[in-house]
Amino acid sequence: MVFLIVLAALIVWAVAAAVVTVVRDGYGPLPTRTGTERVAAPAARSAR
């Protein structure tokens, strides 16, 4: 039961992070390929 709650929270967090990244950087819908590079780029930019 706890595992399901944690899994659901991780999924919600991942979706929210992707949406925030897309909205903040002004991208259109995420590409069908993996969006890791688009998610990692803003973090790398803000770290500098």
PDB file of N, CA and C in Angstrom:
ATOM      1  N   MET A   1       0.848  -1.206   0.000  1.00  0.00           N
ATOM      2  CA  MET A   1       0.000   0.000   0.000  1.00  0.00           C
ATOM      3  C   MET A   1       0.884   1.257   0.000  1.00  0.00           C
ATOM      4  N   VAL A   2       1.852   1.260   0.904  1.00  0.00           N
ATOM      5  CA  VAL A   2       2.752   2.413   0.966  1.00  0.00           C
ATOM      6  C   VAL A   2       3.517   2.539  -0.348  1.00  0.00           C
ATOM      7  N   PHE A   3       3.912   1.388  -0.914  1.00  0.00           N
ATOM      8  CA  PHE A   3       4.650   1.408  -2.187  1.00  0.00           C
ATOM      9  C   PHE A   3       3.818   2.070  -3.282  1.00  0.00           C
ATOM     10  N   LEU A   4       2.520   1.754  -3.319  1.00  0.00           N
ATOM     11  CA  LEU A   4       1.653   2.352  -4.344  1.00  0.00           C
ATOM     12  C   LEU A   4       1.546   3.862  -4.158  1.00  0.00           C
ATOM     13  N   ILE A   5       1.462   4.303  -2.913  1.00  0.00           N
ATOM     14  CA  ILE A   5       1.364   5.741  -2.648  1.00  0.00           C
ATOM     15  C   ILE A   5       2.647   6.440  -3.089  1.00  0.00           C
ATOM     16  N   VAL A   6       3.784   5.842  -2.759  1.00  0.00           N
ATOM     17  CA  VAL A   6       5.069   6.429  -3.148  1.00  0.00           C
ATOM     18  C   VAL A   6       5.199   6.446  -4.665  1.00  0.00           C
ATOM     19  N   LEU A   7       4.789   5.356  -5.314  1.00  0.00           N
ATOM     20  CA  LEU A   7       4.866   5.293  -6.774  1.00  0.00           C
ATOM     21  C   LEU A   7       3.990   6.366  -7.411  1.00  0.00           C
ATOM     22  N   ALA A   8       2.781   6.519  -6.889  1.00  0.00           N
ATOM     23  CA  ALA A   8       1.877   7.540  -7.423  1.00  0.00           C
ATOM     24  C   ALA A   8       2.469   8.940  -7.220  1.00  0.00           C
ATOM     25  N   ALA A   9       3.077   9.173  -6.060  1.00  0.00           N
ATOM     26  CA  ALA A   9       3.675  10.482  -5.797  1.00  0.00           C
ATOM     27  C   ALA A   9       4.828  10.763  -6.760  1.00  0.00           C
ATOM     28  N   LEU A  10       5.633   9.743  -7.048  1.00  0.00           N
ATOM     29  CA  LEU A  10       6.748   9.926  -7.976  1.00  0.00           C
ATOM     30  C   LEU A  10       6.243  10.248  -9.380  1.00  0.00           C
ATOM     31  N   ILE A  11       5.185   9.562  -9.795  1.00  0.00           N
ATOM     32  CA  ILE A  11       4.630   9.814 -11.130  1.00  0.00           C
ATOM     33  C   ILE A  11       4.083  11.241 -11.203  1.00  0.00           C
ATOM     34  N   VAL A  12       3.343  11.644 -10.189  1.00  0.00           N
ATOM     35  CA  VAL A  12       2.784  13.004 -10.168  1.00  0.00           C
ATOM     36  C   VAL A  12       3.913  14.031 -10.189  1.00  0.00           C
ATOM     37  N   TRP A  13       4.978  13.781  -9.398  1.00  0.00           N
ATOM     38  CA  TRP A  13       6.100  14.717  -9.355  1.00  0.00           C
ATOM     39  C   TRP A  13       6.794  14.809 -10.705  1.00  0.00           C
ATOM     40  N   ALA A  14       6.990  13.663 -11.363  1.00  0.00           N
ATOM     41  CA  ALA A  14       7.662  13.658 -12.662  1.00  0.00           C
ATOM     42  C   ALA A  14       6.842  14.419 -13.703  1.00  0.00           C
ATOM     43  N   VAL A  15       5.524  14.190 -13.698  1.00  0.00           N
ATOM     44  CA  VAL A  15       4.659  14.890 -14.654  1.00  0.00           C
ATOM     45  C   VAL A  15       4.669  16.386 -14.368  1.00  0.00           C
ATOM     46  N   ALA A  16       4.585  16.755 -13.103  1.00  0.00           N
ATOM     47  CA  ALA A  16       4.585  18.175 -12.746  1.00  0.00           C
ATOM     48  C   ALA A  16       5.907  18.832 -13.147  1.00  0.00           C
ATOM     49  N   ALA A  17       7.025  18.146 -12.922  1.00  0.00           N
ATOM     50  CA  ALA A  17       8.328  18.703 -13.285  1.00  0.00           C
ATOM     51  C   ALA A  17       8.424  18.900 -14.790  1.00  0.00           C
ATOM     52  N   ALA A  18       7.895  17.929 -15.561  1.00  0.00           N
ATOM     53  CA  ALA A  18       7.934  18.050 -17.020  1.00  0.00           C
ATOM     54  C   ALA A  18       7.075  19.225 -17.481  1.00  0.00           C
ATOM     55  N   VAL A  19       5.890  19.373 -16.894  1.00  0.00           N
ATOM     56  CA  VAL A  19       4.996  20.468 -17.283  1.00  0.00           C
ATOM     57  C   VAL A  19       5.635  21.814 -16.944  1.00  0.00           C
ATOM     58  N   VAL A  20       6.208  21.922 -15.753  1.00  0.00           N
ATOM     59  CA  VAL A  20       6.850  23.186 -15.353  1.00  0.00           C
ATOM     60  C   VAL A  20       7.992  23.508 -16.303  1.00  0.00           C
ATOM     61  N   THR A  21       8.785  22.504 -16.657  1.00  0.00           N
ATOM     62  CA  THR A  21       9.912  22.722 -17.573  1.00  0.00           C
ATOM     63  C   THR A  21       9.419  23.214 -18.921  1.00  0.00           C
ATOM     64  N   VAL A  22       8.391  22.563 -19.446  1.00  0.00           N
ATOM     65  CA  VAL A  22       7.868  22.936 -20.768  1.00  0.00           C
ATOM     66  C   VAL A  22       7.306  24.353 -20.729  1.00  0.00           C
ATOM     67  N   VAL A  23       6.529  24.672 -19.710  1.00  0.00           N
ATOM     68  CA  VAL A  23       5.900  25.989 -19.638  1.00  0.00           C
ATOM     69  C   VAL A  23       6.952  27.069 -19.432  1.00  0.00           C
ATOM     70  N   ARG A  24       7.908  26.831 -18.541  1.00  0.00           N
ATOM     71  CA  ARG A  24       8.897  27.849 -18.215  1.00  0.00           C
ATOM     72  C   ARG A  24       9.803  28.149 -19.402  1.00  0.00           C
ATOM     73  N   ASP A  25      10.175  27.110 -20.147  1.00  0.00           N
ATOM     74  CA  ASP A  25      11.104  27.312 -21.260  1.00  0.00           C
ATOM     75  C   ASP A  25      10.386  27.585 -22.578  1.00  0.00           C
ATOM     76  N   GLY A  26       9.061  27.571 -22.563  1.00  0.00           N
ATOM     77  CA  GLY A  26       8.315  27.921 -23.755  1.00  0.00           C
ATOM     78  C   GLY A  26       8.343  26.863 -24.841  1.00  0.00           C
ATOM     79  N   TYR A  27       8.611  25.618 -24.485  1.00  0.00           N
ATOM     80  CA  TYR A  27       8.575  24.550 -25.487  1.00  0.00           C
ATOM     81  C   TYR A  27       7.132  24.214 -25.820  1.00  0.00           C
ATOM     82  N   GLY A  28       6.937  23.581 -26.953  1.00  0.00           N
ATOM     83  CA  GLY A  28       5.636  23.018 -27.286  1.00  0.00           C
ATOM     84  C   GLY A  28       5.508  21.702 -26.526  1.00  0.00           C
ATOM     85  N   PRO A  29       4.644  20.802 -26.989  1.00  0.00           N
ATOM     86  CA  PRO A  29       4.515  19.494 -26.339  1.00  0.00           C
ATOM     87  C   PRO A  29       5.845  18.763 -26.377  1.00  0.00           C
ATOM     88  N   LEU A  30       6.094  17.953 -25.354  1.00  0.00           N
ATOM     89  CA  LEU A  30       7.343  17.204 -25.313  1.00  0.00           C
ATOM     90  C   LEU A  30       7.421  16.270 -26.516  1.00  0.00           C
ATOM     91  N   PRO A  31       8.610  16.059 -27.052  1.00  0.00           N
ATOM     92  CA  PRO A  31       8.748  15.155 -28.190  1.00  0.00           C
ATOM     93  C   PRO A  31       8.447  13.717 -27.787  1.00  0.00           C
ATOM     94  N   THR A  32       8.219  12.860 -28.763  1.00  0.00           N
ATOM     95  CA  THR A  32       7.890  11.474 -28.451  1.00  0.00           C
ATOM     96  C   THR A  32       9.114  10.748 -27.913  1.00  0.00           C
ATOM     97  N   ARG A  33      10.318  11.210 -28.298  1.00  0.00           N
ATOM     98  CA  ARG A  33      11.519  10.605 -27.725  1.00  0.00           C
ATOM     99  C   ARG A  33      11.651  11.060 -26.280  1.00  0.00           C
ATOM    100  N   THR A  34      12.627  10.534 -25.564  1.00  0.00           N
ATOM    101  CA  THR A  34      12.773  10.857 -24.144  1.00  0.00           C
ATOM    102  C   THR A  34      13.068  12.345 -23.993  1.00  0.00           C
ATOM    103  N   GLY A  35      12.453  12.973 -23.013  1.00  0.00           N
ATOM    104  CA  GLY A  35      12.629  14.404 -22.806  1.00  0.00           C
ATOM    105  C   GLY A  35      13.681  14.725 -21.762  1.00  0.00           C
ATOM    106  N   THR A  36      14.581  13.772 -21.492  1.00  0.00           N
ATOM    107  CA  THR A  36      15.557  14.014 -20.419  1.00  0.00           C
ATOM    108  C   THR A  36      16.462  15.190 -20.729  1.00  0.00           C
ATOM    109  N   GLU A  37      16.889  15.331 -21.980  1.00  0.00           N
ATOM    110  CA  GLU A  37      17.784  16.436 -22.287  1.00  0.00           C
ATOM    111  C   GLU A  37      17.080  17.779 -22.111  1.00  0.00           C
ATOM    112  N   ARG A  38      15.788  17.818 -22.408  1.00  0.00           N
ATOM    113  CA  ARG A  38      15.056  19.077 -22.221  1.00  0.00           C
ATOM    114  C   ARG A  38      14.810  19.340 -20.746  1.00  0.00           C
ATOM    115  N   VAL A  39      14.715  18.276 -19.953  1.00  0.00           N
ATOM    116  CA  VAL A  39      14.510  18.471 -18.512  1.00  0.00           C
ATOM    117  C   VAL A  39      15.817  18.868 -17.849  1.00  0.00           C
ATOM    118  N   ALA A  40      16.936  18.308 -18.328  1.00  0.00           N
ATOM    119  CA  ALA A  40      18.229  18.558 -17.686  1.00  0.00           C
ATOM    120  C   ALA A  40      18.791  19.929 -18.052  1.00  0.00           C
ATOM    121  N   ALA A  41      18.463  20.430 -19.237  1.00  0.00           N
ATOM    122  CA  ALA A  41      19.050  21.690 -19.687  1.00  0.00           C
ATOM    123  C   ALA A  41      18.716  22.877 -18.768  1.00  0.00           C
ATOM    124  N   PRO A  42      17.446  23.075 -18.377  1.00  0.00           N
ATOM    125  CA  PRO A  42      17.149  24.224 -17.500  1.00  0.00           C
ATOM    126  C   PRO A  42      17.869  24.119 -16.158  1.00  0.00           C
ATOM    127  N   ALA A  43      17.984  22.911 -15.617  1.00  0.00           N
ATOM    128  CA  ALA A  43      18.677  22.740 -14.331  1.00  0.00           C
ATOM    129  C   ALA A  43      20.145  23.124 -14.482  1.00  0.00           C
ATOM    130  N   ALA A  44      20.745  22.720 -15.598  1.00  0.00           N
ATOM    131  CA  ALA A  44      22.155  23.053 -15.821  1.00  0.00           C
ATOM    132  C   ALA A  44      22.329  24.560 -15.994  1.00  0.00           C
ATOM    133  N   ARG A  45      21.360  25.185 -16.675  1.00  0.00           N
ATOM    134  CA  ARG A  45      21.459  26.633 -16.886  1.00  0.00           C
ATOM    135  C   ARG A  45      21.303  27.386 -15.568  1.00  0.00           C
ATOM    136  N   SER A  46      20.340  26.964 -14.751  1.00  0.00           N
ATOM    137  CA  SER A  46      20.103  27.698 -13.510  1.00  0.00           C
ATOM    138  C   SER A  46      21.225  27.454 -12.510  1.00  0.00           C
ATOM    139  N   ALA A  47      21.945  26.335 -12.637  1.00  0.00           N
ATOM    140  CA  ALA A  47      23.045  26.041 -11.706  1.00  0.00           C
ATOM    141  C   ALA A  47      24.219  26.978 -11.953  1.00  0.00           C
ATOM    142  N   ARG A  48      24.363  27.430 -13.196  1.00  0.00           N
ATOM    143  CA  ARG A  48      25.485  28.320 -13.516  1.00  0.00           C
ATOM    144  C   ARG A  48      25.280  29.705 -12.930  1.00  0.00           C
TER     145      ARG A  48
END
